[in-house]
Every structure is written in structure tokens, then in C-alpha cells.
């Protein structure tokens, strides 16, 4: 997954600028990103504070790690079934 040029705190700052009345086009121009990116961020981080966004990121990383562990466990089980000749 590609790493963003902006931190969660910066993204939330851009969103707060737009909420305070600055036009979205102006926020995007000043920040150097596109309007679709702004709206994607708004759908993901809208209404959050910086610490909540950090917690979301931590949970996403943990979820990814747990998914990898589960996939490895399923591969190990499948290898054991094949090794012992167990049919489904």
C-alpha cells in the first residue's frame, strides 16, 4: 500500500479548513492535492480528531497483521491435511 504524503493530522487540518468556510478548491490548491482526494479523505476522516485518526490507523495495521496470521494458519492446516492424506 502506498504511503500518503500527508499525515493524518495534516489531512484533518485540511478538512477543518474546508469546514470553516474556505472553498474546497482553495484548500486543494494550497495543499497540492486533487478534489477527489479531498472527498475521499472526507469520507474516511470526516468528523475525526487527530488522535482518533491515529487510533484508526493503528487498528488497520493490527487488522492487517491478524489477517496475515489467519492466512498462514490456514496454509499450515492445509499442508497438514495434504501430508496426512486427509480427504475433505
C-alpha atoms as a PDB file:
ATOM      1  CA  UNK A   1       0.000   0.000   0.000  1.00  0.00           C
ATOM      2  CA  UNK A   2       1.330   3.407  -0.965  1.00  0.00           C
ATOM      3  CA  UNK A   3       2.192   5.771   1.852  1.00  0.00           C
ATOM      4  CA  UNK A   4       0.475   9.145   1.807  1.00  0.00           C
ATOM      5  CA  UNK A   5       2.454  12.362   1.533  1.00  0.00           C
ATOM      6  CA  UNK A   6       0.297  13.784   4.292  1.00  0.00           C
ATOM      7  CA  UNK A   7      -0.084  12.712   7.904  1.00  0.00           C
ATOM      8  CA  UNK A   8      -3.472  12.144   9.468  1.00  0.00           C
ATOM      9  CA  UNK A   9      -3.074  15.416  11.365  1.00  0.00           C
ATOM     10  CA  UNK A  10      -2.455  17.336   8.137  1.00  0.00           C
ATOM     11  CA  UNK A  11      -5.446  15.706   6.442  1.00  0.00           C
ATOM     12  CA  UNK A  12      -7.709  16.583   9.350  1.00  0.00           C
ATOM     13  CA  UNK A  13      -6.332  20.132   9.220  1.00  0.00           C
ATOM     14  CA  UNK A  14      -7.325  20.418   5.557  1.00  0.00           C
ATOM     15  CA  UNK A  15     -10.799  19.097   6.355  1.00  0.00           C
ATOM     16  CA  UNK A  16     -11.211  21.610   9.186  1.00  0.00           C
ATOM     17  CA  UNK A  17     -10.190  24.455   6.843  1.00  0.00           C
ATOM     18  CA  UNK A  18     -12.966  23.451   4.452  1.00  0.00           C
ATOM     19  CA  UNK A  19     -15.449  23.147   7.330  1.00  0.00           C
ATOM     20  CA  UNK A  20     -14.576  26.668   8.481  1.00  0.00           C
ATOM     21  CA  UNK A  21     -15.741  28.098   5.166  1.00  0.00           C
ATOM     22  CA  UNK A  22     -12.695  28.048   2.879  1.00  0.00           C
ATOM     23  CA  UNK A  23     -13.744  26.747  -0.569  1.00  0.00           C
ATOM     24  CA  UNK A  24     -12.706  23.162  -1.292  1.00  0.00           C
ATOM     25  CA  UNK A  25     -10.902  24.211  -4.491  1.00  0.00           C
ATOM     26  CA  UNK A  26      -8.796  26.670  -2.497  1.00  0.00           C
ATOM     27  CA  UNK A  27      -7.921  24.100   0.180  1.00  0.00           C
ATOM     28  CA  UNK A  28      -6.905  21.642  -2.545  1.00  0.00           C
ATOM     29  CA  UNK A  29      -4.817  24.235  -4.365  1.00  0.00           C
ATOM     30  CA  UNK A  30      -2.997  25.292  -1.199  1.00  0.00           C
ATOM     31  CA  UNK A  31      -2.400  21.694  -0.140  1.00  0.00           C
ATOM     32  CA  UNK A  32      -1.366  20.449  -3.570  1.00  0.00           C
ATOM     33  CA  UNK A  33      -3.875  17.630  -3.962  1.00  0.00           C
ATOM     34  CA  UNK A  34      -6.960  16.988  -6.091  1.00  0.00           C
ATOM     35  CA  UNK A  35     -10.617  17.434  -5.191  1.00  0.00           C
ATOM     36  CA  UNK A  36     -11.367  13.688  -5.458  1.00  0.00           C
ATOM     37  CA  UNK A  37      -8.601  13.110  -2.914  1.00  0.00           C
ATOM     38  CA  UNK A  38     -10.202  15.675  -0.609  1.00  0.00           C
ATOM     39  CA  UNK A  39     -13.595  13.976  -0.824  1.00  0.00           C
ATOM     40  CA  UNK A  40     -12.021  10.550  -0.273  1.00  0.00           C
ATOM     41  CA  UNK A  41     -10.340  11.902   2.878  1.00  0.00           C
ATOM     42  CA  UNK A  42     -13.595  13.494   3.997  1.00  0.00           C
ATOM     43  CA  UNK A  43     -15.414  10.180   3.720  1.00  0.00           C
ATOM     44  CA  UNK A  44     -12.681   8.449   5.728  1.00  0.00           C
ATOM     45  CA  UNK A  45     -11.663  11.093   8.296  1.00  0.00           C
ATOM     46  CA  UNK A  46     -14.689  13.411   8.387  1.00  0.00           C
ATOM     47  CA  UNK A  47     -15.583  14.441  11.941  1.00  0.00           C
ATOM     48  CA  UNK A  48     -12.494  12.850  13.483  1.00  0.00           C
ATOM     49  CA  UNK A  49      -9.861  14.401  15.669  1.00  0.00           C
ATOM     50  CA  UNK A  50      -6.159  13.666  15.168  1.00  0.00           C
ATOM     51  CA  UNK A  51      -5.959  11.109  17.986  1.00  0.00           C
ATOM     52  CA  UNK A  52      -8.980   9.234  16.619  1.00  0.00           C
ATOM     53  CA  UNK A  53      -7.367   9.079  13.161  1.00  0.00           C
ATOM     54  CA  UNK A  54      -4.159   7.750  14.710  1.00  0.00           C
ATOM     55  CA  UNK A  55      -6.175   5.074  16.530  1.00  0.00           C
ATOM     56  CA  UNK A  56      -7.921   4.145  13.255  1.00  0.00           C
ATOM     57  CA  UNK A  57      -4.547   3.723  11.540  1.00  0.00           C
ATOM     58  CA  UNK A  58      -3.273   1.543  14.406  1.00  0.00           C
ATOM     59  CA  UNK A  59      -6.365  -0.646  14.194  1.00  0.00           C
ATOM     60  CA  UNK A  60      -5.963  -1.014  10.418  1.00  0.00           C
ATOM     61  CA  UNK A  61      -2.337  -2.138  10.881  1.00  0.00           C
ATOM     62  CA  UNK A  62      -3.335  -4.616  13.592  1.00  0.00           C
ATOM     63  CA  UNK A  63      -6.190  -5.957  11.451  1.00  0.00           C
ATOM     64  CA  UNK A  64      -3.807  -6.496   8.540  1.00  0.00           C
ATOM     65  CA  UNK A  65      -1.369  -8.366  10.786  1.00  0.00           C
ATOM     66  CA  UNK A  66      -4.127 -10.602  12.148  1.00  0.00           C
ATOM     67  CA  UNK A  67      -5.380 -11.385   8.635  1.00  0.00           C
ATOM     68  CA  UNK A  68      -1.878 -12.496   7.645  1.00  0.00           C
ATOM     69  CA  UNK A  69      -1.643 -14.720  10.733  1.00  0.00           C
ATOM     70  CA  UNK A  70      -5.001 -16.308   9.922  1.00  0.00           C
ATOM     71  CA  UNK A  71      -3.968 -16.948   6.315  1.00  0.00           C
ATOM     72  CA  UNK A  72      -0.726 -18.586   7.479  1.00  0.00           C
ATOM     73  CA  UNK A  73      -2.659 -20.775   9.919  1.00  0.00           C
ATOM     74  CA  UNK A  74      -4.996 -21.919   7.128  1.00  0.00           C
ATOM     75  CA  UNK A  75      -1.992 -22.727   4.929  1.00  0.00           C
ATOM     76  CA  UNK A  76      -0.433 -24.768   7.749  1.00  0.00           C
ATOM     77  CA  UNK A  77      -3.678 -26.713   8.243  1.00  0.00           C
ATOM     78  CA  UNK A  78      -3.961 -27.387   4.526  1.00  0.00           C
ATOM     79  CA  UNK A  79      -0.346 -28.586   4.401  1.00  0.00           C
ATOM     80  CA  UNK A  80      -1.003 -30.973   7.295  1.00  0.00           C
ATOM     81  CA  UNK A  81      -4.127 -32.329   5.582  1.00  0.00           C
ATOM     82  CA  UNK A  82      -2.175 -32.940   2.383  1.00  0.00           C
ATOM     83  CA  UNK A  83       0.710 -34.509   4.298  1.00  0.00           C
ATOM     84  CA  UNK A  84      -1.501 -36.946   6.146  1.00  0.00           C
ATOM     85  CA  UNK A  85      -3.724 -37.654   3.159  1.00  0.00           C
ATOM     86  CA  UNK A  86      -6.921 -36.408   4.758  1.00  0.00           C
ATOM     87  CA  UNK A  87      -9.760 -36.029   2.304  1.00  0.00           C
ATOM     88  CA  UNK A  88     -12.385 -33.359   2.655  1.00  0.00           C
END
